[in-house]
C-alpha atoms as a PDB file:
ATOM      1  CA  MET A   1     158.493 115.582 149.191  1.00  0.00           C
ATOM      2  CA  LEU A   2     156.181 116.424 152.068  1.00  0.00           C
ATOM      3  CA  ASP A   3     152.405 116.655 152.012  1.00  0.00           C
ATOM      4  CA  ARG A   4     150.298 119.127 154.015  1.00  0.00           C
ATOM      5  CA  TYR A   5     150.535 116.909 157.088  1.00  0.00           C
ATOM      6  CA  ASN A   6     154.327 116.676 156.998  1.00  0.00           C
ATOM      7  CA  ARG A   7     154.333 113.097 155.755  1.00  0.00           C
ATOM      8  CA  ARG A   8     157.247 112.223 153.481  1.00  0.00           C
ATOM      9  CA  ILE A   9     155.816 110.807 150.251  1.00  0.00           C
ATOM     10  CA  ASN A  10     158.369 108.455 148.709  1.00  0.00           C
ATOM     11  CA  TYR A  11     156.358 105.404 147.605  1.00  0.00           C
ATOM     12  CA  LEU A  12     154.527 104.910 144.288  1.00  0.00           C
ATOM     13  CA  ARG A  13     152.319 101.897 143.609  1.00  0.00           C
ATOM     14  CA  VAL A  14     151.897 101.320 139.867  1.00  0.00           C
ATOM     15  CA  SER A  15     148.927  99.318 138.589  1.00  0.00           C
ATOM     16  CA  VAL A  16     149.875  98.016 135.137  1.00  0.00           C
ATOM     17  CA  THR A  17     146.595  96.265 134.301  1.00  0.00           C
ATOM     18  CA  ASP A  18     143.066  95.772 135.571  1.00  0.00           C
ATOM     19  CA  ARG A  19     143.045  92.180 134.276  1.00  0.00           C
ATOM     20  CA  CYS A  20     143.537  89.125 136.480  1.00  0.00           C
ATOM     21  CA  ASN A  21     143.683  85.362 135.998  1.00  0.00           C
ATOM     22  CA  LEU A  22     141.802  84.795 139.269  1.00  0.00           C
ATOM     23  CA  ARG A  23     138.584  86.269 140.545  1.00  0.00           C
ATOM     24  CA  CYS A  24     138.927  86.588 144.295  1.00  0.00           C
ATOM     25  CA  ARG A  25     135.665  87.461 145.980  1.00  0.00           C
ATOM     26  CA  TYR A  26     136.930  90.472 147.910  1.00  0.00           C
ATOM     27  CA  CYS A  27     138.728  91.994 144.923  1.00  0.00           C
ATOM     28  CA  MET A  28     136.589  91.500 141.820  1.00  0.00           C
ATOM     29  CA  PRO A  29     132.964  92.703 142.034  1.00  0.00           C
ATOM     30  CA  CYS A  30     130.143  90.206 141.692  1.00  0.00           C
ATOM     31  CA  GLY A  31     128.327  89.944 138.376  1.00  0.00           C
ATOM     32  CA  ASP A  32     129.373  91.575 135.116  1.00  0.00           C
ATOM     33  CA  PHE A  33     131.828  94.452 135.149  1.00  0.00           C
ATOM     34  CA  VAL A  34     133.520  96.581 132.517  1.00  0.00           C
ATOM     35  CA  MET A  35     137.248  96.261 131.929  1.00  0.00           C
ATOM     36  CA  LEU A  36     139.369  99.089 130.581  1.00  0.00           C
ATOM     37  CA  ARG A  37     139.673  99.432 126.833  1.00  0.00           C
ATOM     38  CA  HIS A  38     143.123  98.657 125.473  1.00  0.00           C
ATOM     39  CA  GLU A  39     143.666 102.282 124.467  1.00  0.00           C
ATOM     40  CA  ASP A  40     142.801 103.501 127.967  1.00  0.00           C
ATOM     41  CA  ILE A  41     145.608 101.535 129.625  1.00  0.00           C
ATOM     42  CA  LEU A  42     148.897 103.384 130.017  1.00  0.00           C
ATOM     43  CA  ARG A  43     151.669 102.418 127.607  1.00  0.00           C
ATOM     44  CA  PHE A  44     155.091 101.453 128.928  1.00  0.00           C
ATOM     45  CA  HIS A  45     156.681 104.805 128.105  1.00  0.00           C
ATOM     46  CA  GLU A  46     153.872 106.622 129.931  1.00  0.00           C
ATOM     47  CA  ILE A  47     154.341 104.510 133.057  1.00  0.00           C
ATOM     48  CA  VAL A  48     158.100 105.047 133.020  1.00  0.00           C
ATOM     49  CA  GLU A  49     157.613 108.799 132.580  1.00  0.00           C
ATOM     50  CA  VAL A  50     155.438 108.905 135.719  1.00  0.00           C
ATOM     51  CA  VAL A  51     158.065 106.924 137.617  1.00  0.00           C
ATOM     52  CA  ARG A  52     160.856 109.173 136.356  1.00  0.00           C
ATOM     53  CA  GLU A  53     158.985 112.340 137.357  1.00  0.00           C
ATOM     54  CA  GLY A  54     158.119 110.782 140.687  1.00  0.00           C
ATOM     55  CA  VAL A  55     161.758 110.019 141.406  1.00  0.00           C
ATOM     56  CA  ALA A  56     162.672 113.604 140.565  1.00  0.00           C
ATOM     57  CA  MET A  57     160.154 114.683 143.211  1.00  0.00           C
ATOM     58  CA  GLY A  58     161.346 112.287 145.911  1.00  0.00           C
ATOM     59  CA  ILE A  59     159.928 108.855 145.099  1.00  0.00           C
ATOM     60  CA  ASP A  60     162.480 106.086 145.690  1.00  0.00           C
ATOM     61  CA  LYS A  61     160.221 103.089 146.268  1.00  0.00           C
ATOM     62  CA  VAL A  62     158.031 101.578 143.515  1.00  0.00           C
ATOM     63  CA  ARG A  63     155.676  98.596 143.627  1.00  0.00           C
ATOM     64  CA  ILE A  64     154.188  97.029 140.483  1.00  0.00           C
ATOM     65  CA  THR A  65     150.603  95.833 140.978  1.00  0.00           C
ATOM     66  CA  GLY A  66     147.481  95.003 138.988  1.00  0.00           C
ATOM     67  CA  GLY A  67     144.933  93.391 138.715  1.00  0.00           C
ATOM     68  CA  GLU A  68     147.523  90.688 138.298  1.00  0.00           C
ATOM     69  CA  PRO A  69     150.715  92.282 136.906  1.00  0.00           C
ATOM     70  CA  LEU A  70     152.041  89.034 135.413  1.00  0.00           C
ATOM     71  CA  VAL A  71     149.204  88.934 132.869  1.00  0.00           C
ATOM     72  CA  ARG A  72     150.409  92.236 131.357  1.00  0.00           C
ATOM     73  CA  ARG A  73     152.152  91.447 128.085  1.00  0.00           C
ATOM     74  CA  ASP A  74     155.933  91.962 128.238  1.00  0.00           C
ATOM     75  CA  ILE A  75     155.854  92.552 131.997  1.00  0.00           C
ATOM     76  CA  VAL A  76     159.524  91.575 132.254  1.00  0.00           C
ATOM     77  CA  LYS A  77     160.442  94.296 129.769  1.00  0.00           C
ATOM     78  CA  LEU A  78     158.409  96.877 131.693  1.00  0.00           C
ATOM     79  CA  THR A  79     160.004  95.795 134.957  1.00  0.00           C
ATOM     80  CA  GLY A  80     163.432  96.322 133.436  1.00  0.00           C
ATOM     81  CA  MET A  81     162.447  99.760 132.176  1.00  0.00           C
ATOM     82  CA  ILE A  82     161.310 100.824 135.648  1.00  0.00           C
ATOM     83  CA  ALA A  83     164.379  99.277 137.279  1.00  0.00           C
ATOM     84  CA  SER A  84     166.601 101.327 134.966  1.00  0.00           C
ATOM     85  CA  VAL A  85     165.232 104.633 136.289  1.00  0.00           C
ATOM     86  CA  ARG A  86     168.046 106.009 138.431  1.00  0.00           C
ATOM     87  CA  GLY A  87     166.779 106.702 141.924  1.00  0.00           C
ATOM     88  CA  VAL A  88     164.441 103.714 142.212  1.00  0.00           C
ATOM     89  CA  ASN A  89     166.078 102.065 145.200  1.00  0.00           C
ATOM     90  CA  ASP A  90     163.330  99.583 146.036  1.00  0.00           C
ATOM     91  CA  LEU A  91     161.411  97.841 143.244  1.00  0.00           C
ATOM     92  CA  ALA A  92     158.821  95.281 144.318  1.00  0.00           C
ATOM     93  CA  MET A  93     155.741  93.548 142.935  1.00  0.00           C
ATOM     94  CA  THR A  94     152.511  92.170 144.365  1.00  0.00           C
ATOM     95  CA  THR A  95     151.231  89.056 142.577  1.00  0.00           C
ATOM     96  CA  ASN A  96     148.834  86.182 143.115  1.00  0.00           C
ATOM     97  CA  GLY A  97     151.701  83.842 142.223  1.00  0.00           C
ATOM     98  CA  VAL A  98     149.869  81.732 139.631  1.00  0.00           C
ATOM     99  CA  LEU A  99     152.370  82.561 136.851  1.00  0.00           C
ATOM    100  CA  LEU A 100     155.341  83.149 139.121  1.00  0.00           C
ATOM    101  CA  GLU A 101     157.127  79.864 138.435  1.00  0.00           C
ATOM    102  CA  ARG A 102     157.578  81.006 134.822  1.00  0.00           C
ATOM    103  CA  PHE A 103     158.442  84.638 135.537  1.00  0.00           C
ATOM    104  CA  ALA A 104     160.430  84.624 138.791  1.00  0.00           C
ATOM    105  CA  ARG A 105     163.957  84.367 137.396  1.00  0.00           C
ATOM    106  CA  PRO A 106     163.424  86.665 134.370  1.00  0.00           C
ATOM    107  CA  LEU A 107     161.919  89.285 136.688  1.00  0.00           C
ATOM    108  CA  ARG A 108     164.891  89.054 139.038  1.00  0.00           C
ATOM    109  CA  GLU A 109     167.280  89.407 136.115  1.00  0.00           C
ATOM    110  CA  ALA A 110     165.303  92.440 134.898  1.00  0.00           C
ATOM    111  CA  GLY A 111     165.839  94.203 138.220  1.00  0.00           C
ATOM    112  CA  LEU A 112     162.897  93.262 140.425  1.00  0.00           C
ATOM    113  CA  MET A 113     164.087  93.091 144.025  1.00  0.00           C
ATOM    114  CA  ARG A 114     161.323  91.466 146.031  1.00  0.00           C
ATOM    115  CA  LEU A 115     157.754  90.201 146.044  1.00  0.00           C
ATOM    116  CA  ASN A 116     154.535  90.110 147.990  1.00  0.00           C
ATOM    117  CA  VAL A 117     152.387  87.079 147.167  1.00  0.00           C
ATOM    118  CA  SER A 118     148.685  86.919 147.997  1.00  0.00           C
ATOM    119  CA  LEU A 119     147.704  83.698 149.760  1.00  0.00           C
ATOM    120  CA  ASP A 120     144.655  83.400 152.018  1.00  0.00           C
ATOM    121  CA  THR A 121     144.477  79.666 152.704  1.00  0.00           C
ATOM    122  CA  MET A 122     146.483  76.466 152.289  1.00  0.00           C
ATOM    123  CA  ASP A 123     143.411  74.301 151.709  1.00  0.00           C
ATOM    124  CA  ARG A 124     143.093  73.360 148.021  1.00  0.00           C
ATOM    125  CA  ALA A 125     139.306  73.299 147.943  1.00  0.00           C
ATOM    126  CA  ARG A 126     139.043  76.523 149.931  1.00  0.00           C
ATOM    127  CA  PHE A 127     141.598  78.230 147.664  1.00  0.00           C
ATOM    128  CA  SER A 128     139.653  77.194 144.577  1.00  0.00           C
ATOM    129  CA  GLU A 129     136.458  78.529 146.147  1.00  0.00           C
ATOM    130  CA  LEU A 130     137.963  81.876 147.177  1.00  0.00           C
ATOM    131  CA  THR A 131     139.622  82.463 143.801  1.00  0.00           C
ATOM    132  CA  SER A 132     136.851  81.048 141.582  1.00  0.00           C
ATOM    133  CA  GLY A 133     138.851  78.087 140.318  1.00  0.00           C
ATOM    134  CA  GLY A 134     142.490  78.795 141.110  1.00  0.00           C
ATOM    135  CA  ASN A 135     145.028  76.024 141.778  1.00  0.00           C
ATOM    136  CA  ILE A 136     147.073  76.542 144.947  1.00  0.00           C
ATOM    137  CA  ASP A 137     149.812  74.231 143.656  1.00  0.00           C
ATOM    138  CA  ASP A 138     150.657  76.831 140.992  1.00  0.00           C
ATOM    139  CA  VAL A 139     151.143  79.430 143.708  1.00  0.00           C
ATOM    140  CA  VAL A 140     153.324  77.212 145.903  1.00  0.00           C
ATOM    141  CA  ARG A 141     155.578  76.344 142.960  1.00  0.00           C
ATOM    142  CA  GLY A 142     155.767  80.036 142.101  1.00  0.00           C
ATOM    143  CA  ILE A 143     156.763  80.990 145.632  1.00  0.00           C
ATOM    144  CA  ASP A 144     159.500  78.362 145.701  1.00  0.00           C
ATOM    145  CA  ALA A 145     160.767  79.515 142.299  1.00  0.00           C
ATOM    146  CA  ALA A 146     160.874  83.125 143.488  1.00  0.00           C
ATOM    147  CA  VAL A 147     162.823  82.226 146.618  1.00  0.00           C
ATOM    148  CA  SER A 148     165.259  80.245 144.480  1.00  0.00           C
ATOM    149  CA  ALA A 149     165.638  83.235 142.144  1.00  0.00           C
ATOM    150  CA  GLY A 150     166.531  85.513 145.055  1.00  0.00           C
ATOM    151  CA  LEU A 151     163.338  87.602 145.184  1.00  0.00           C
ATOM    152  CA  THR A 152     163.592  88.039 148.917  1.00  0.00           C
ATOM    153  CA  PRO A 153     162.685  89.070 151.522  1.00  0.00           C
ATOM    154  CA  MET A 154     159.268  87.852 150.404  1.00  0.00           C
ATOM    155  CA  LYS A 155     156.026  88.710 152.158  1.00  0.00           C
ATOM    156  CA  ILE A 156     152.809  86.710 152.070  1.00  0.00           C
ATOM    157  CA  ASN A 157     149.650  88.832 152.047  1.00  0.00           C
ATOM    158  CA  CYS A 158     146.854  86.987 153.847  1.00  0.00           C
ATOM    159  CA  VAL A 159     143.381  88.541 153.919  1.00  0.00           C
ATOM    160  CA  VAL A 160     141.344  87.689 157.008  1.00  0.00           C
ATOM    161  CA  ALA A 161     137.748  88.481 157.905  1.00  0.00           C
ATOM    162  CA  GLY A 162     138.580  89.393 161.509  1.00  0.00           C
ATOM    163  CA  SER A 163     140.968  91.906 162.982  1.00  0.00           C
ATOM    164  CA  SER A 164     143.983  89.596 162.894  1.00  0.00           C
ATOM    165  CA  GLY A 165     145.199  86.155 162.010  1.00  0.00           C
ATOM    166  CA  LEU A 166     145.553  85.163 165.637  1.00  0.00           C
ATOM    167  CA  PRO A 167     143.567  82.313 167.217  1.00  0.00           C
ATOM    168  CA  GLY A 168     140.010  83.301 167.972  1.00  0.00           C
ATOM    169  CA  SER A 169     139.584  85.633 165.001  1.00  0.00           C
ATOM    170  CA  SER A 170     137.397  84.878 162.008  1.00  0.00           C
ATOM    171  CA  GLY A 171     139.328  82.804 159.474  1.00  0.00           C
ATOM    172  CA  ALA A 172     142.017  81.987 162.052  1.00  0.00           C
ATOM    173  CA  SER A 173     142.460  78.409 160.848  1.00  0.00           C
ATOM    174  CA  ASP A 174     143.257  79.491 157.290  1.00  0.00           C
ATOM    175  CA  ALA A 175     145.504  82.314 158.488  1.00  0.00           C
ATOM    176  CA  LEU A 176     147.489  80.143 160.868  1.00  0.00           C
ATOM    177  CA  ASP A 177     147.997  77.520 158.157  1.00  0.00           C
ATOM    178  CA  VAL A 178     149.395  80.238 155.902  1.00  0.00           C
ATOM    179  CA  LYS A 179     151.672  81.420 158.713  1.00  0.00           C
ATOM    180  CA  GLU A 180     152.973  77.895 159.256  1.00  0.00           C
ATOM    181  CA  PHE A 181     153.665  77.560 155.519  1.00  0.00           C
ATOM    182  CA  ALA A 182     155.513  80.891 155.495  1.00  0.00           C
ATOM    183  CA  ASP A 183     157.507  80.148 158.641  1.00  0.00           C
ATOM    184  CA  LYS A 184     158.819  76.906 157.133  1.00  0.00           C
ATOM    185  CA  ARG A 185     160.188  78.872 154.168  1.00  0.00           C
ATOM    186  CA  GLY A 186     161.471  81.824 156.166  1.00  0.00           C
ATOM    187  CA  LEU A 187     158.895  84.205 154.706  1.00  0.00           C
ATOM    188  CA  GLN A 188     157.099  87.088 156.390  1.00  0.00           C
ATOM    189  CA  VAL A 189     153.312  87.217 156.736  1.00  0.00           C
ATOM    190  CA  ARG A 190     151.059  90.278 156.680  1.00  0.00           C
ATOM    191  CA  PHE A 191     147.489  89.800 157.874  1.00  0.00           C
ATOM    192  CA  ILE A 192     145.161  92.211 156.095  1.00  0.00           C
ATOM    193  CA  ARG A 193     141.671  92.698 157.403  1.00  0.00           C
ATOM    194  CA  GLN A 194     139.145  92.476 154.563  1.00  0.00           C
ATOM    195  CA  MET A 195     138.394  96.018 153.405  1.00  0.00           C
ATOM    196  CA  ASP A 196     135.350  97.734 151.905  1.00  0.00           C
ATOM    197  CA  LEU A 197     136.224 100.620 149.592  1.00  0.00           C
ATOM    198  CA  ASP A 198     132.703 101.971 149.229  1.00  0.00           C
ATOM    199  CA  GLY A 199     131.956 101.594 152.927  1.00  0.00           C
ATOM    200  CA  GLY A 200     135.273 103.044 154.027  1.00  0.00           C
ATOM    201  CA  GLU A 201     136.207 100.032 156.138  1.00  0.00           C
ATOM    202  CA  PHE A 202     139.944  99.528 156.624  1.00  0.00           C
ATOM    203  CA  SER A 203     142.459  99.012 159.396  1.00  0.00           C
ATOM    204  CA  VAL A 204     146.216  98.929 159.935  1.00  0.00           C
ATOM    205  CA  VAL A 205     147.839  95.894 158.316  1.00  0.00           C
ATOM    206  CA  GLU A 206     149.191  93.462 160.884  1.00  0.00           C
ATOM    207  CA  GLY A 207     152.874  92.995 160.092  1.00  0.00           C
ATOM    208  CA  GLY A 208     152.910  95.896 157.627  1.00  0.00           C
ATOM    209  CA  GLU A 209     152.398  99.641 157.268  1.00  0.00           C
ATOM    210  CA  GLY A 210     149.268  99.861 155.108  1.00  0.00           C
ATOM    211  CA  GLY A 211     146.161 101.440 156.585  1.00  0.00           C
ATOM    212  CA  ASP A 212     148.136 103.595 159.026  1.00  0.00           C
ATOM    213  CA  CYS A 213     147.030 107.049 157.845  1.00  0.00           C
ATOM    214  CA  PRO A 214     149.370 109.196 160.012  1.00  0.00           C
ATOM    215  CA  ARG A 215     152.361 107.345 158.509  1.00  0.00           C
ATOM    216  CA  CYS A 216     151.088 106.954 154.935  1.00  0.00           C
ATOM    217  CA  ASN A 217     153.856 107.651 152.419  1.00  0.00           C
ATOM    218  CA  ARG A 218     152.273 106.455 149.186  1.00  0.00           C
ATOM    219  CA  LEU A 219     150.618 107.497 145.963  1.00  0.00           C
ATOM    220  CA  ARG A 220     148.910 105.179 143.503  1.00  0.00           C
ATOM    221  CA  LEU A 221     148.955 105.191 139.707  1.00  0.00           C
ATOM    222  CA  THR A 222     145.987 103.352 138.206  1.00  0.00           C
ATOM    223  CA  ALA A 223     146.239 101.357 134.994  1.00  0.00           C
ATOM    224  CA  SER A 224     144.265 104.106 133.239  1.00  0.00           C
ATOM    225  CA  GLY A 225     146.667 106.849 134.332  1.00  0.00           C
ATOM    226  CA  LYS A 226     145.022 108.398 137.381  1.00  0.00           C
ATOM    227  CA  VAL A 227     147.270 109.345 140.302  1.00  0.00           C
ATOM    228  CA  LYS A 228     145.378 108.681 143.526  1.00  0.00           C
ATOM    229  CA  PRO A 229     146.706 110.168 146.773  1.00  0.00           C
ATOM    230  CA  CYS A 230     144.676 107.742 148.886  1.00  0.00           C
ATOM    231  CA  LEU A 231     143.121 104.317 148.334  1.00  0.00           C
ATOM    232  CA  PHE A 232     140.036 105.336 150.319  1.00  0.00           C
ATOM    233  CA  SER A 233     139.259 108.504 148.393  1.00  0.00           C
ATOM    234  CA  ASP A 234     137.755 109.476 145.037  1.00  0.00           C
ATOM    235  CA  ILE A 235     140.441 112.126 144.507  1.00  0.00           C
ATOM    236  CA  ALA A 236     142.499 111.435 141.360  1.00  0.00           C
ATOM    237  CA  PHE A 237     144.570 113.344 138.823  1.00  0.00           C
ATOM    238  CA  ASP A 238     144.947 112.244 135.189  1.00  0.00           C
ATOM    239  CA  VAL A 239     148.527 112.088 133.888  1.00  0.00           C
ATOM    240  CA  ARG A 240     147.357 112.238 130.282  1.00  0.00           C
ATOM    241  CA  THR A 241     145.441 115.451 130.922  1.00  0.00           C
ATOM    242  CA  LEU A 242     147.776 117.196 133.355  1.00  0.00           C
ATOM    243  CA  GLY A 243     151.105 115.600 132.537  1.00  0.00           C
ATOM    244  CA  ALA A 244     152.962 113.301 134.917  1.00  0.00           C
ATOM    245  CA  ARG A 245     154.655 115.944 137.051  1.00  0.00           C
ATOM    246  CA  LYS A 246     151.538 118.077 137.546  1.00  0.00           C
ATOM    247  CA  ALA A 247     149.381 115.048 138.369  1.00  0.00           C
ATOM    248  CA  LEU A 248     151.879 113.866 140.974  1.00  0.00           C
ATOM    249  CA  PHE A 249     152.219 117.357 142.452  1.00  0.00           C
ATOM    250  CA  GLU A 250     148.450 117.756 142.750  1.00  0.00           C
ATOM    251  CA  ALA A 251     148.100 114.317 144.325  1.00  0.00           C
ATOM    252  CA  VAL A 252     150.621 115.223 147.029  1.00  0.00           C
ATOM    253  CA  LEU A 253     148.985 118.619 147.542  1.00  0.00           C
ATOM    254  CA  HIS A 254     145.523 117.085 147.938  1.00  0.00           C
ATOM    255  CA  LYS A 255     146.473 113.965 149.888  1.00  0.00           C
ATOM    256  CA  PRO A 256     143.852 113.742 152.667  1.00  0.00           C
ATOM    257  CA  GLU A 257     144.758 113.452 156.308  1.00  0.00           C
ATOM    258  CA  HIS A 258     143.009 110.090 156.481  1.00  0.00           C
ATOM    259  CA  GLY A 259     141.015 107.759 154.254  1.00  0.00           C
ATOM    260  CA  THR A 260     137.224 107.963 153.993  1.00  0.00           C
ATOM    261  CA  ALA A 261     135.686 105.922 151.162  1.00  0.00           C
ATOM    262  CA  CYS A 262     136.075 105.273 147.441  1.00  0.00           C
ATOM    263  CA  SER A 263     133.014 104.883 145.221  1.00  0.00           C
ATOM    264  CA  THR A 264     134.658 105.268 141.811  1.00  0.00           C
ATOM    265  CA  ASP A 265     137.106 102.349 141.748  1.00  0.00           C
ATOM    266  CA  HIS A 266     137.616  98.727 142.755  1.00  0.00           C
ATOM    267  CA  PHE A 267     140.659  96.951 144.151  1.00  0.00           C
ATOM    268  CA  TYR A 268     141.363  95.255 140.819  1.00  0.00           C
ATOM    269  CA  ASN A 269     141.903  98.546 138.968  1.00  0.00           C
ATOM    270  CA  ILE A 270     143.694 100.470 141.728  1.00  0.00           C
ATOM    271  CA  GLY A 271     146.182  97.847 142.854  1.00  0.00           C
ATOM    272  CA  GLY A 272     145.036  97.532 146.475  1.00  0.00           C
END
């Protein structure tokens, strides 16, 4: 399906939860914040219905996100349900990797094809600081388990403060350490400049396609059932109110030419 700017929309990012087992500074807001009520989070059959309607309209690529998708109860079952939708040709997941050692092989067997793992530093103390207490060893074991299970090609998502992970940019030491780690395992690295939803600050992902508005091919389904045509926009359409097909159609129809800002959501409940 084409939007008003002749972009082919074939990619749906599905946030399955707003919960996470880490609290990364650039993702979770400071201070207290309100999580979704259990009844406000889409049930499995509702998520699959959105995917099925999306495929009928031209979606063939789906990515499962969060929060942290691996904290969603029965995530392997949900992954299998999405994988069984005929027409989903590319099924991926973005995870922080903390629980990946346990879930990698069952996810692969359920039909997951590949992974992106978030990793911003290789320094244990720095990782713990950035994630508010996370253990980098859990992530490394998870990555190795995923490679062993065949969840490849795998990409490492590395958030940097500067414009790239190259020498001379802010956070270059951390970024280059991550690149060295990835290179040794034959993994790809995407450097993502730290974004500000409310301030509308974003840029093209280095080593990826995100942030490139003229080429944007994606829609986002939030954990609460809102279809967002753009990460940096407050535009959203409720699948429970409109129905899956209508919400998707309206999101494509109203997809903006380029991102501006988003004041109604955070990264943890959109899926980034």
